[in-house]
Amino acid sequence: ALSGALYFLTGEKRYLQFVWKVLK
């Protein structure tokens, strides 16, 4: 949730990469 919110607020791709790693 926090990483998704940070991605939507900042638009940085590293947060999406972190979300993907946590999901895996």
PDBML (XML) file of the C-alpha atoms, coordinates in Angstrom:
<?xml version="1.0" encoding="UTF-8" ?>
<PDBx:datablock datablockName="MODEL"
   xmlns:PDBx="http://pdbml.pdb.org/schema/pdbx-v50.xsd"
   xmlns:xsi="http://www.w3.org/2001/XMLSchema-instance"
   xsi:schemaLocation="http://pdbml.pdb.org/schema/pdbx-v50.xsd pdbx-v50.xsd">
   <PDBx:atom_siteCategory>
      <PDBx:atom_site id="1">
         <PDBx:B_iso_or_equiv>0.00</PDBx:B_iso_or_equiv>
         <PDBx:Cartn_x>0.000</PDBx:Cartn_x>
         <PDBx:Cartn_y>0.000</PDBx:Cartn_y>
         <PDBx:Cartn_z>0.000</PDBx:Cartn_z>
         <PDBx:auth_asym_id>A</PDBx:auth_asym_id>
         <PDBx:auth_atom_id>CA</PDBx:auth_atom_id>
         <PDBx:auth_comp_id>ALA</PDBx:auth_comp_id>
         <PDBx:auth_seq_id>1</PDBx:auth_seq_id>
         <PDBx:group_PDB>ATOM</PDBx:group_PDB>
         <PDBx:label_alt_id xsi:nil="true" />
         <PDBx:label_asym_id>A</PDBx:label_asym_id>
         <PDBx:label_atom_id>CA</PDBx:label_atom_id>
         <PDBx:label_comp_id>ALA</PDBx:label_comp_id>
         <PDBx:label_entity_id>1</PDBx:label_entity_id>
         <PDBx:label_seq_id>1</PDBx:label_seq_id>
         <PDBx:occupancy>1.00</PDBx:occupancy>
         <PDBx:pdbx_PDB_model_num>1</PDBx:pdbx_PDB_model_num>
         <PDBx:type_symbol>C</PDBx:type_symbol>
      </PDBx:atom_site>
      <PDBx:atom_site id="2">
         <PDBx:B_iso_or_equiv>0.00</PDBx:B_iso_or_equiv>
         <PDBx:Cartn_x>2.749</PDBx:Cartn_x>
         <PDBx:Cartn_y>2.456</PDBx:Cartn_y>
         <PDBx:Cartn_z>0.902</PDBx:Cartn_z>
         <PDBx:auth_asym_id>A</PDBx:auth_asym_id>
         <PDBx:auth_atom_id>CA</PDBx:auth_atom_id>
         <PDBx:auth_comp_id>LEU</PDBx:auth_comp_id>
         <PDBx:auth_seq_id>2</PDBx:auth_seq_id>
         <PDBx:group_PDB>ATOM</PDBx:group_PDB>
         <PDBx:label_alt_id xsi:nil="true" />
         <PDBx:label_asym_id>A</PDBx:label_asym_id>
         <PDBx:label_atom_id>CA</PDBx:label_atom_id>
         <PDBx:label_comp_id>LEU</PDBx:label_comp_id>
         <PDBx:label_entity_id>1</PDBx:label_entity_id>
         <PDBx:label_seq_id>2</PDBx:label_seq_id>
         <PDBx:occupancy>1.00</PDBx:occupancy>
         <PDBx:pdbx_PDB_model_num>1</PDBx:pdbx_PDB_model_num>
         <PDBx:type_symbol>C</PDBx:type_symbol>
      </PDBx:atom_site>
      <PDBx:atom_site id="3">
         <PDBx:B_iso_or_equiv>0.00</PDBx:B_iso_or_equiv>
         <PDBx:Cartn_x>4.791</PDBx:Cartn_x>
         <PDBx:Cartn_y>1.701</PDBx:Cartn_y>
         <PDBx:Cartn_z>-2.196</PDBx:Cartn_z>
         <PDBx:auth_asym_id>A</PDBx:auth_asym_id>
         <PDBx:auth_atom_id>CA</PDBx:auth_atom_id>
         <PDBx:auth_comp_id>SER</PDBx:auth_comp_id>
         <PDBx:auth_seq_id>3</PDBx:auth_seq_id>
         <PDBx:group_PDB>ATOM</PDBx:group_PDB>
         <PDBx:label_alt_id xsi:nil="true" />
         <PDBx:label_asym_id>A</PDBx:label_asym_id>
         <PDBx:label_atom_id>CA</PDBx:label_atom_id>
         <PDBx:label_comp_id>SER</PDBx:label_comp_id>
         <PDBx:label_entity_id>1</PDBx:label_entity_id>
         <PDBx:label_seq_id>3</PDBx:label_seq_id>
         <PDBx:occupancy>1.00</PDBx:occupancy>
         <PDBx:pdbx_PDB_model_num>1</PDBx:pdbx_PDB_model_num>
         <PDBx:type_symbol>C</PDBx:type_symbol>
      </PDBx:atom_site>
      <PDBx:atom_site id="4">
         <PDBx:B_iso_or_equiv>0.00</PDBx:B_iso_or_equiv>
         <PDBx:Cartn_x>1.754</PDBx:Cartn_x>
         <PDBx:Cartn_y>2.009</PDBx:Cartn_y>
         <PDBx:Cartn_z>-4.422</PDBx:Cartn_z>
         <PDBx:auth_asym_id>A</PDBx:auth_asym_id>
         <PDBx:auth_atom_id>CA</PDBx:auth_atom_id>
         <PDBx:auth_comp_id>GLY</PDBx:auth_comp_id>
         <PDBx:auth_seq_id>4</PDBx:auth_seq_id>
         <PDBx:group_PDB>ATOM</PDBx:group_PDB>
         <PDBx:label_alt_id xsi:nil="true" />
         <PDBx:label_asym_id>A</PDBx:label_asym_id>
         <PDBx:label_atom_id>CA</PDBx:label_atom_id>
         <PDBx:label_comp_id>GLY</PDBx:label_comp_id>
         <PDBx:label_entity_id>1</PDBx:label_entity_id>
         <PDBx:label_seq_id>4</PDBx:label_seq_id>
         <PDBx:occupancy>1.00</PDBx:occupancy>
         <PDBx:pdbx_PDB_model_num>1</PDBx:pdbx_PDB_model_num>
         <PDBx:type_symbol>C</PDBx:type_symbol>
      </PDBx:atom_site>
      <PDBx:atom_site id="5">
         <PDBx:B_iso_or_equiv>0.00</PDBx:B_iso_or_equiv>
         <PDBx:Cartn_x>0.869</PDBx:Cartn_x>
         <PDBx:Cartn_y>5.337</PDBx:Cartn_y>
         <PDBx:Cartn_z>-2.850</PDBx:Cartn_z>
         <PDBx:auth_asym_id>A</PDBx:auth_asym_id>
         <PDBx:auth_atom_id>CA</PDBx:auth_atom_id>
         <PDBx:auth_comp_id>ALA</PDBx:auth_comp_id>
         <PDBx:auth_seq_id>5</PDBx:auth_seq_id>
         <PDBx:group_PDB>ATOM</PDBx:group_PDB>
         <PDBx:label_alt_id xsi:nil="true" />
         <PDBx:label_asym_id>A</PDBx:label_asym_id>
         <PDBx:label_atom_id>CA</PDBx:label_atom_id>
         <PDBx:label_comp_id>ALA</PDBx:label_comp_id>
         <PDBx:label_entity_id>1</PDBx:label_entity_id>
         <PDBx:label_seq_id>5</PDBx:label_seq_id>
         <PDBx:occupancy>1.00</PDBx:occupancy>
         <PDBx:pdbx_PDB_model_num>1</PDBx:pdbx_PDB_model_num>
         <PDBx:type_symbol>C</PDBx:type_symbol>
      </PDBx:atom_site>
      <PDBx:atom_site id="6">
         <PDBx:B_iso_or_equiv>0.00</PDBx:B_iso_or_equiv>
         <PDBx:Cartn_x>4.434</PDBx:Cartn_x>
         <PDBx:Cartn_y>6.592</PDBx:Cartn_y>
         <PDBx:Cartn_z>-3.248</PDBx:Cartn_z>
         <PDBx:auth_asym_id>A</PDBx:auth_asym_id>
         <PDBx:auth_atom_id>CA</PDBx:auth_atom_id>
         <PDBx:auth_comp_id>LEU</PDBx:auth_comp_id>
         <PDBx:auth_seq_id>6</PDBx:auth_seq_id>
         <PDBx:group_PDB>ATOM</PDBx:group_PDB>
         <PDBx:label_alt_id xsi:nil="true" />
         <PDBx:label_asym_id>A</PDBx:label_asym_id>
         <PDBx:label_atom_id>CA</PDBx:label_atom_id>
         <PDBx:label_comp_id>LEU</PDBx:label_comp_id>
         <PDBx:label_entity_id>1</PDBx:label_entity_id>
         <PDBx:label_seq_id>6</PDBx:label_seq_id>
         <PDBx:occupancy>1.00</PDBx:occupancy>
         <PDBx:pdbx_PDB_model_num>1</PDBx:pdbx_PDB_model_num>
         <PDBx:type_symbol>C</PDBx:type_symbol>
      </PDBx:atom_site>
      <PDBx:atom_site id="7">
         <PDBx:B_iso_or_equiv>0.00</PDBx:B_iso_or_equiv>
         <PDBx:Cartn_x>4.421</PDBx:Cartn_x>
         <PDBx:Cartn_y>5.557</PDBx:Cartn_y>
         <PDBx:Cartn_z>-6.904</PDBx:Cartn_z>
         <PDBx:auth_asym_id>A</PDBx:auth_asym_id>
         <PDBx:auth_atom_id>CA</PDBx:auth_atom_id>
         <PDBx:auth_comp_id>TYR</PDBx:auth_comp_id>
         <PDBx:auth_seq_id>7</PDBx:auth_seq_id>
         <PDBx:group_PDB>ATOM</PDBx:group_PDB>
         <PDBx:label_alt_id xsi:nil="true" />
         <PDBx:label_asym_id>A</PDBx:label_asym_id>
         <PDBx:label_atom_id>CA</PDBx:label_atom_id>
         <PDBx:label_comp_id>TYR</PDBx:label_comp_id>
         <PDBx:label_entity_id>1</PDBx:label_entity_id>
         <PDBx:label_seq_id>7</PDBx:label_seq_id>
         <PDBx:occupancy>1.00</PDBx:occupancy>
         <PDBx:pdbx_PDB_model_num>1</PDBx:pdbx_PDB_model_num>
         <PDBx:type_symbol>C</PDBx:type_symbol>
      </PDBx:atom_site>
      <PDBx:atom_site id="8">
         <PDBx:B_iso_or_equiv>0.00</PDBx:B_iso_or_equiv>
         <PDBx:Cartn_x>1.211</PDBx:Cartn_x>
         <PDBx:Cartn_y>7.452</PDBx:Cartn_y>
         <PDBx:Cartn_z>-7.571</PDBx:Cartn_z>
         <PDBx:auth_asym_id>A</PDBx:auth_asym_id>
         <PDBx:auth_atom_id>CA</PDBx:auth_atom_id>
         <PDBx:auth_comp_id>PHE</PDBx:auth_comp_id>
         <PDBx:auth_seq_id>8</PDBx:auth_seq_id>
         <PDBx:group_PDB>ATOM</PDBx:group_PDB>
         <PDBx:label_alt_id xsi:nil="true" />
         <PDBx:label_asym_id>A</PDBx:label_asym_id>
         <PDBx:label_atom_id>CA</PDBx:label_atom_id>
         <PDBx:label_comp_id>PHE</PDBx:label_comp_id>
         <PDBx:label_entity_id>1</PDBx:label_entity_id>
         <PDBx:label_seq_id>8</PDBx:label_seq_id>
         <PDBx:occupancy>1.00</PDBx:occupancy>
         <PDBx:pdbx_PDB_model_num>1</PDBx:pdbx_PDB_model_num>
         <PDBx:type_symbol>C</PDBx:type_symbol>
      </PDBx:atom_site>
      <PDBx:atom_site id="9">
         <PDBx:B_iso_or_equiv>0.00</PDBx:B_iso_or_equiv>
         <PDBx:Cartn_x>2.506</PDBx:Cartn_x>
         <PDBx:Cartn_y>10.512</PDBx:Cartn_y>
         <PDBx:Cartn_z>-5.727</PDBx:Cartn_z>
         <PDBx:auth_asym_id>A</PDBx:auth_asym_id>
         <PDBx:auth_atom_id>CA</PDBx:auth_atom_id>
         <PDBx:auth_comp_id>LEU</PDBx:auth_comp_id>
         <PDBx:auth_seq_id>9</PDBx:auth_seq_id>
         <PDBx:group_PDB>ATOM</PDBx:group_PDB>
         <PDBx:label_alt_id xsi:nil="true" />
         <PDBx:label_asym_id>A</PDBx:label_asym_id>
         <PDBx:label_atom_id>CA</PDBx:label_atom_id>
         <PDBx:label_comp_id>LEU</PDBx:label_comp_id>
         <PDBx:label_entity_id>1</PDBx:label_entity_id>
         <PDBx:label_seq_id>9</PDBx:label_seq_id>
         <PDBx:occupancy>1.00</PDBx:occupancy>
         <PDBx:pdbx_PDB_model_num>1</PDBx:pdbx_PDB_model_num>
         <PDBx:type_symbol>C</PDBx:type_symbol>
      </PDBx:atom_site>
      <PDBx:atom_site id="10">
         <PDBx:B_iso_or_equiv>0.00</PDBx:B_iso_or_equiv>
         <PDBx:Cartn_x>6.006</PDBx:Cartn_x>
         <PDBx:Cartn_y>10.627</PDBx:Cartn_y>
         <PDBx:Cartn_z>-7.232</PDBx:Cartn_z>
         <PDBx:auth_asym_id>A</PDBx:auth_asym_id>
         <PDBx:auth_atom_id>CA</PDBx:auth_atom_id>
         <PDBx:auth_comp_id>THR</PDBx:auth_comp_id>
         <PDBx:auth_seq_id>10</PDBx:auth_seq_id>
         <PDBx:group_PDB>ATOM</PDBx:group_PDB>
         <PDBx:label_alt_id xsi:nil="true" />
         <PDBx:label_asym_id>A</PDBx:label_asym_id>
         <PDBx:label_atom_id>CA</PDBx:label_atom_id>
         <PDBx:label_comp_id>THR</PDBx:label_comp_id>
         <PDBx:label_entity_id>1</PDBx:label_entity_id>
         <PDBx:label_seq_id>10</PDBx:label_seq_id>
         <PDBx:occupancy>1.00</PDBx:occupancy>
         <PDBx:pdbx_PDB_model_num>1</PDBx:pdbx_PDB_model_num>
         <PDBx:type_symbol>C</PDBx:type_symbol>
      </PDBx:atom_site>
      <PDBx:atom_site id="11">
         <PDBx:B_iso_or_equiv>0.00</PDBx:B_iso_or_equiv>
         <PDBx:Cartn_x>5.804</PDBx:Cartn_x>
         <PDBx:Cartn_y>8.588</PDBx:Cartn_y>
         <PDBx:Cartn_z>-10.436</PDBx:Cartn_z>
         <PDBx:auth_asym_id>A</PDBx:auth_asym_id>
         <PDBx:auth_atom_id>CA</PDBx:auth_atom_id>
         <PDBx:auth_comp_id>GLY</PDBx:auth_comp_id>
         <PDBx:auth_seq_id>11</PDBx:auth_seq_id>
         <PDBx:group_PDB>ATOM</PDBx:group_PDB>
         <PDBx:label_alt_id xsi:nil="true" />
         <PDBx:label_asym_id>A</PDBx:label_asym_id>
         <PDBx:label_atom_id>CA</PDBx:label_atom_id>
         <PDBx:label_comp_id>GLY</PDBx:label_comp_id>
         <PDBx:label_entity_id>1</PDBx:label_entity_id>
         <PDBx:label_seq_id>11</PDBx:label_seq_id>
         <PDBx:occupancy>1.00</PDBx:occupancy>
         <PDBx:pdbx_PDB_model_num>1</PDBx:pdbx_PDB_model_num>
         <PDBx:type_symbol>C</PDBx:type_symbol>
      </PDBx:atom_site>
      <PDBx:atom_site id="12">
         <PDBx:B_iso_or_equiv>0.00</PDBx:B_iso_or_equiv>
         <PDBx:Cartn_x>9.156</PDBx:Cartn_x>
         <PDBx:Cartn_y>6.877</PDBx:Cartn_y>
         <PDBx:Cartn_z>-9.792</PDBx:Cartn_z>
         <PDBx:auth_asym_id>A</PDBx:auth_asym_id>
         <PDBx:auth_atom_id>CA</PDBx:auth_atom_id>
         <PDBx:auth_comp_id>GLU</PDBx:auth_comp_id>
         <PDBx:auth_seq_id>12</PDBx:auth_seq_id>
         <PDBx:group_PDB>ATOM</PDBx:group_PDB>
         <PDBx:label_alt_id xsi:nil="true" />
         <PDBx:label_asym_id>A</PDBx:label_asym_id>
         <PDBx:label_atom_id>CA</PDBx:label_atom_id>
         <PDBx:label_comp_id>GLU</PDBx:label_comp_id>
         <PDBx:label_entity_id>1</PDBx:label_entity_id>
         <PDBx:label_seq_id>12</PDBx:label_seq_id>
         <PDBx:occupancy>1.00</PDBx:occupancy>
         <PDBx:pdbx_PDB_model_num>1</PDBx:pdbx_PDB_model_num>
         <PDBx:type_symbol>C</PDBx:type_symbol>
      </PDBx:atom_site>
      <PDBx:atom_site id="13">
         <PDBx:B_iso_or_equiv>0.00</PDBx:B_iso_or_equiv>
         <PDBx:Cartn_x>9.505</PDBx:Cartn_x>
         <PDBx:Cartn_y>3.376</PDBx:Cartn_y>
         <PDBx:Cartn_z>-11.225</PDBx:Cartn_z>
         <PDBx:auth_asym_id>A</PDBx:auth_asym_id>
         <PDBx:auth_atom_id>CA</PDBx:auth_atom_id>
         <PDBx:auth_comp_id>LYS</PDBx:auth_comp_id>
         <PDBx:auth_seq_id>13</PDBx:auth_seq_id>
         <PDBx:group_PDB>ATOM</PDBx:group_PDB>
         <PDBx:label_alt_id xsi:nil="true" />
         <PDBx:label_asym_id>A</PDBx:label_asym_id>
         <PDBx:label_atom_id>CA</PDBx:label_atom_id>
         <PDBx:label_comp_id>LYS</PDBx:label_comp_id>
         <PDBx:label_entity_id>1</PDBx:label_entity_id>
         <PDBx:label_seq_id>13</PDBx:label_seq_id>
         <PDBx:occupancy>1.00</PDBx:occupancy>
         <PDBx:pdbx_PDB_model_num>1</PDBx:pdbx_PDB_model_num>
         <PDBx:type_symbol>C</PDBx:type_symbol>
      </PDBx:atom_site>
      <PDBx:atom_site id="14">
         <PDBx:B_iso_or_equiv>0.00</PDBx:B_iso_or_equiv>
         <PDBx:Cartn_x>11.564</PDBx:Cartn_x>
         <PDBx:Cartn_y>2.061</PDBx:Cartn_y>
         <PDBx:Cartn_z>-8.305</PDBx:Cartn_z>
         <PDBx:auth_asym_id>A</PDBx:auth_asym_id>
         <PDBx:auth_atom_id>CA</PDBx:auth_atom_id>
         <PDBx:auth_comp_id>ARG</PDBx:auth_comp_id>
         <PDBx:auth_seq_id>14</PDBx:auth_seq_id>
         <PDBx:group_PDB>ATOM</PDBx:group_PDB>
         <PDBx:label_alt_id xsi:nil="true" />
         <PDBx:label_asym_id>A</PDBx:label_asym_id>
         <PDBx:label_atom_id>CA</PDBx:label_atom_id>
         <PDBx:label_comp_id>ARG</PDBx:label_comp_id>
         <PDBx:label_entity_id>1</PDBx:label_entity_id>
         <PDBx:label_seq_id>14</PDBx:label_seq_id>
         <PDBx:occupancy>1.00</PDBx:occupancy>
         <PDBx:pdbx_PDB_model_num>1</PDBx:pdbx_PDB_model_num>
         <PDBx:type_symbol>C</PDBx:type_symbol>
      </PDBx:atom_site>
      <PDBx:atom_site id="15">
         <PDBx:B_iso_or_equiv>0.00</PDBx:B_iso_or_equiv>
         <PDBx:Cartn_x>8.438</PDBx:Cartn_x>
         <PDBx:Cartn_y>1.858</PDBx:Cartn_y>
         <PDBx:Cartn_z>-6.175</PDBx:Cartn_z>
         <PDBx:auth_asym_id>A</PDBx:auth_asym_id>
         <PDBx:auth_atom_id>CA</PDBx:auth_atom_id>
         <PDBx:auth_comp_id>TYR</PDBx:auth_comp_id>
         <PDBx:auth_seq_id>15</PDBx:auth_seq_id>
         <PDBx:group_PDB>ATOM</PDBx:group_PDB>
         <PDBx:label_alt_id xsi:nil="true" />
         <PDBx:label_asym_id>A</PDBx:label_asym_id>
         <PDBx:label_atom_id>CA</PDBx:label_atom_id>
         <PDBx:label_comp_id>TYR</PDBx:label_comp_id>
         <PDBx:label_entity_id>1</PDBx:label_entity_id>
         <PDBx:label_seq_id>15</PDBx:label_seq_id>
         <PDBx:occupancy>1.00</PDBx:occupancy>
         <PDBx:pdbx_PDB_model_num>1</PDBx:pdbx_PDB_model_num>
         <PDBx:type_symbol>C</PDBx:type_symbol>
      </PDBx:atom_site>
      <PDBx:atom_site id="16">
         <PDBx:B_iso_or_equiv>0.00</PDBx:B_iso_or_equiv>
         <PDBx:Cartn_x>6.780</PDBx:Cartn_x>
         <PDBx:Cartn_y>-0.382</PDBx:Cartn_y>
         <PDBx:Cartn_z>-8.751</PDBx:Cartn_z>
         <PDBx:auth_asym_id>A</PDBx:auth_asym_id>
         <PDBx:auth_atom_id>CA</PDBx:auth_atom_id>
         <PDBx:auth_comp_id>LEU</PDBx:auth_comp_id>
         <PDBx:auth_seq_id>16</PDBx:auth_seq_id>
         <PDBx:group_PDB>ATOM</PDBx:group_PDB>
         <PDBx:label_alt_id xsi:nil="true" />
         <PDBx:label_asym_id>A</PDBx:label_asym_id>
         <PDBx:label_atom_id>CA</PDBx:label_atom_id>
         <PDBx:label_comp_id>LEU</PDBx:label_comp_id>
         <PDBx:label_entity_id>1</PDBx:label_entity_id>
         <PDBx:label_seq_id>16</PDBx:label_seq_id>
         <PDBx:occupancy>1.00</PDBx:occupancy>
         <PDBx:pdbx_PDB_model_num>1</PDBx:pdbx_PDB_model_num>
         <PDBx:type_symbol>C</PDBx:type_symbol>
      </PDBx:atom_site>
      <PDBx:atom_site id="17">
         <PDBx:B_iso_or_equiv>0.00</PDBx:B_iso_or_equiv>
         <PDBx:Cartn_x>9.879</PDBx:Cartn_x>
         <PDBx:Cartn_y>-2.582</PDBx:Cartn_y>
         <PDBx:Cartn_z>-8.772</PDBx:Cartn_z>
         <PDBx:auth_asym_id>A</PDBx:auth_asym_id>
         <PDBx:auth_atom_id>CA</PDBx:auth_atom_id>
         <PDBx:auth_comp_id>GLN</PDBx:auth_comp_id>
         <PDBx:auth_seq_id>17</PDBx:auth_seq_id>
         <PDBx:group_PDB>ATOM</PDBx:group_PDB>
         <PDBx:label_alt_id xsi:nil="true" />
         <PDBx:label_asym_id>A</PDBx:label_asym_id>
         <PDBx:label_atom_id>CA</PDBx:label_atom_id>
         <PDBx:label_comp_id>GLN</PDBx:label_comp_id>
         <PDBx:label_entity_id>1</PDBx:label_entity_id>
         <PDBx:label_seq_id>17</PDBx:label_seq_id>
         <PDBx:occupancy>1.00</PDBx:occupancy>
         <PDBx:pdbx_PDB_model_num>1</PDBx:pdbx_PDB_model_num>
         <PDBx:type_symbol>C</PDBx:type_symbol>
      </PDBx:atom_site>
      <PDBx:atom_site id="18">
         <PDBx:B_iso_or_equiv>0.00</PDBx:B_iso_or_equiv>
         <PDBx:Cartn_x>9.641</PDBx:Cartn_x>
         <PDBx:Cartn_y>-2.873</PDBx:Cartn_y>
         <PDBx:Cartn_z>-4.993</PDBx:Cartn_z>
         <PDBx:auth_asym_id>A</PDBx:auth_asym_id>
         <PDBx:auth_atom_id>CA</PDBx:auth_atom_id>
         <PDBx:auth_comp_id>PHE</PDBx:auth_comp_id>
         <PDBx:auth_seq_id>18</PDBx:auth_seq_id>
         <PDBx:group_PDB>ATOM</PDBx:group_PDB>
         <PDBx:label_alt_id xsi:nil="true" />
         <PDBx:label_asym_id>A</PDBx:label_asym_id>
         <PDBx:label_atom_id>CA</PDBx:label_atom_id>
         <PDBx:label_comp_id>PHE</PDBx:label_comp_id>
         <PDBx:label_entity_id>1</PDBx:label_entity_id>
         <PDBx:label_seq_id>18</PDBx:label_seq_id>
         <PDBx:occupancy>1.00</PDBx:occupancy>
         <PDBx:pdbx_PDB_model_num>1</PDBx:pdbx_PDB_model_num>
         <PDBx:type_symbol>C</PDBx:type_symbol>
      </PDBx:atom_site>
      <PDBx:atom_site id="19">
         <PDBx:B_iso_or_equiv>0.00</PDBx:B_iso_or_equiv>
         <PDBx:Cartn_x>5.947</PDBx:Cartn_x>
         <PDBx:Cartn_y>-3.798</PDBx:Cartn_y>
         <PDBx:Cartn_z>-5.243</PDBx:Cartn_z>
         <PDBx:auth_asym_id>A</PDBx:auth_asym_id>
         <PDBx:auth_atom_id>CA</PDBx:auth_atom_id>
         <PDBx:auth_comp_id>VAL</PDBx:auth_comp_id>
         <PDBx:auth_seq_id>19</PDBx:auth_seq_id>
         <PDBx:group_PDB>ATOM</PDBx:group_PDB>
         <PDBx:label_alt_id xsi:nil="true" />
         <PDBx:label_asym_id>A</PDBx:label_asym_id>
         <PDBx:label_atom_id>CA</PDBx:label_atom_id>
         <PDBx:label_comp_id>VAL</PDBx:label_comp_id>
         <PDBx:label_entity_id>1</PDBx:label_entity_id>
         <PDBx:label_seq_id>19</PDBx:label_seq_id>
         <PDBx:occupancy>1.00</PDBx:occupancy>
         <PDBx:pdbx_PDB_model_num>1</PDBx:pdbx_PDB_model_num>
         <PDBx:type_symbol>C</PDBx:type_symbol>
      </PDBx:atom_site>
      <PDBx:atom_site id="20">
         <PDBx:B_iso_or_equiv>0.00</PDBx:B_iso_or_equiv>
         <PDBx:Cartn_x>6.815</PDBx:Cartn_x>
         <PDBx:Cartn_y>-6.506</PDBx:Cartn_y>
         <PDBx:Cartn_z>-7.764</PDBx:Cartn_z>
         <PDBx:auth_asym_id>A</PDBx:auth_asym_id>
         <PDBx:auth_atom_id>CA</PDBx:auth_atom_id>
         <PDBx:auth_comp_id>TRP</PDBx:auth_comp_id>
         <PDBx:auth_seq_id>20</PDBx:auth_seq_id>
         <PDBx:group_PDB>ATOM</PDBx:group_PDB>
         <PDBx:label_alt_id xsi:nil="true" />
         <PDBx:label_asym_id>A</PDBx:label_asym_id>
         <PDBx:label_atom_id>CA</PDBx:label_atom_id>
         <PDBx:label_comp_id>TRP</PDBx:label_comp_id>
         <PDBx:label_entity_id>1</PDBx:label_entity_id>
         <PDBx:label_seq_id>20</PDBx:label_seq_id>
         <PDBx:occupancy>1.00</PDBx:occupancy>
         <PDBx:pdbx_PDB_model_num>1</PDBx:pdbx_PDB_model_num>
         <PDBx:type_symbol>C</PDBx:type_symbol>
      </PDBx:atom_site>
      <PDBx:atom_site id="21">
         <PDBx:B_iso_or_equiv>0.00</PDBx:B_iso_or_equiv>
         <PDBx:Cartn_x>9.543</PDBx:Cartn_x>
         <PDBx:Cartn_y>-7.922</PDBx:Cartn_y>
         <PDBx:Cartn_z>-5.506</PDBx:Cartn_z>
         <PDBx:auth_asym_id>A</PDBx:auth_asym_id>
         <PDBx:auth_atom_id>CA</PDBx:auth_atom_id>
         <PDBx:auth_comp_id>LYS</PDBx:auth_comp_id>
         <PDBx:auth_seq_id>21</PDBx:auth_seq_id>
         <PDBx:group_PDB>ATOM</PDBx:group_PDB>
         <PDBx:label_alt_id xsi:nil="true" />
         <PDBx:label_asym_id>A</PDBx:label_asym_id>
         <PDBx:label_atom_id>CA</PDBx:label_atom_id>
         <PDBx:label_comp_id>LYS</PDBx:label_comp_id>
         <PDBx:label_entity_id>1</PDBx:label_entity_id>
         <PDBx:label_seq_id>21</PDBx:label_seq_id>
         <PDBx:occupancy>1.00</PDBx:occupancy>
         <PDBx:pdbx_PDB_model_num>1</PDBx:pdbx_PDB_model_num>
         <PDBx:type_symbol>C</PDBx:type_symbol>
      </PDBx:atom_site>
      <PDBx:atom_site id="22">
         <PDBx:B_iso_or_equiv>0.00</PDBx:B_iso_or_equiv>
         <PDBx:Cartn_x>7.233</PDBx:Cartn_x>
         <PDBx:Cartn_y>-7.990</PDBx:Cartn_y>
         <PDBx:Cartn_z>-2.485</PDBx:Cartn_z>
         <PDBx:auth_asym_id>A</PDBx:auth_asym_id>
         <PDBx:auth_atom_id>CA</PDBx:auth_atom_id>
         <PDBx:auth_comp_id>VAL</PDBx:auth_comp_id>
         <PDBx:auth_seq_id>22</PDBx:auth_seq_id>
         <PDBx:group_PDB>ATOM</PDBx:group_PDB>
         <PDBx:label_alt_id xsi:nil="true" />
         <PDBx:label_asym_id>A</PDBx:label_asym_id>
         <PDBx:label_atom_id>CA</PDBx:label_atom_id>
         <PDBx:label_comp_id>VAL</PDBx:label_comp_id>
         <PDBx:label_entity_id>1</PDBx:label_entity_id>
         <PDBx:label_seq_id>22</PDBx:label_seq_id>
         <PDBx:occupancy>1.00</PDBx:occupancy>
         <PDBx:pdbx_PDB_model_num>1</PDBx:pdbx_PDB_model_num>
         <PDBx:type_symbol>C</PDBx:type_symbol>
      </PDBx:atom_site>
      <PDBx:atom_site id="23">
         <PDBx:B_iso_or_equiv>0.00</PDBx:B_iso_or_equiv>
         <PDBx:Cartn_x>4.506</PDBx:Cartn_x>
         <PDBx:Cartn_y>-9.709</PDBx:Cartn_y>
         <PDBx:Cartn_z>-4.514</PDBx:Cartn_z>
         <PDBx:auth_asym_id>A</PDBx:auth_asym_id>
         <PDBx:auth_atom_id>CA</PDBx:auth_atom_id>
         <PDBx:auth_comp_id>LEU</PDBx:auth_comp_id>
         <PDBx:auth_seq_id>23</PDBx:auth_seq_id>
         <PDBx:group_PDB>ATOM</PDBx:group_PDB>
         <PDBx:label_alt_id xsi:nil="true" />
         <PDBx:label_asym_id>A</PDBx:label_asym_id>
         <PDBx:label_atom_id>CA</PDBx:label_atom_id>
         <PDBx:label_comp_id>LEU</PDBx:label_comp_id>
         <PDBx:label_entity_id>1</PDBx:label_entity_id>
         <PDBx:label_seq_id>23</PDBx:label_seq_id>
         <PDBx:occupancy>1.00</PDBx:occupancy>
         <PDBx:pdbx_PDB_model_num>1</PDBx:pdbx_PDB_model_num>
         <PDBx:type_symbol>C</PDBx:type_symbol>
      </PDBx:atom_site>
      <PDBx:atom_site id="24">
         <PDBx:B_iso_or_equiv>0.00</PDBx:B_iso_or_equiv>
         <PDBx:Cartn_x>6.934</PDBx:Cartn_x>
         <PDBx:Cartn_y>-12.359</PDBx:Cartn_y>
         <PDBx:Cartn_z>-5.788</PDBx:Cartn_z>
         <PDBx:auth_asym_id>A</PDBx:auth_asym_id>
         <PDBx:auth_atom_id>CA</PDBx:auth_atom_id>
         <PDBx:auth_comp_id>LYS</PDBx:auth_comp_id>
         <PDBx:auth_seq_id>24</PDBx:auth_seq_id>
         <PDBx:group_PDB>ATOM</PDBx:group_PDB>
         <PDBx:label_alt_id xsi:nil="true" />
         <PDBx:label_asym_id>A</PDBx:label_asym_id>
         <PDBx:label_atom_id>CA</PDBx:label_atom_id>
         <PDBx:label_comp_id>LYS</PDBx:label_comp_id>
         <PDBx:label_entity_id>1</PDBx:label_entity_id>
         <PDBx:label_seq_id>24</PDBx:label_seq_id>
         <PDBx:occupancy>1.00</PDBx:occupancy>
         <PDBx:pdbx_PDB_model_num>1</PDBx:pdbx_PDB_model_num>
         <PDBx:type_symbol>C</PDBx:type_symbol>
      </PDBx:atom_site>
   </PDBx:atom_siteCategory>
</PDBx:datablock>
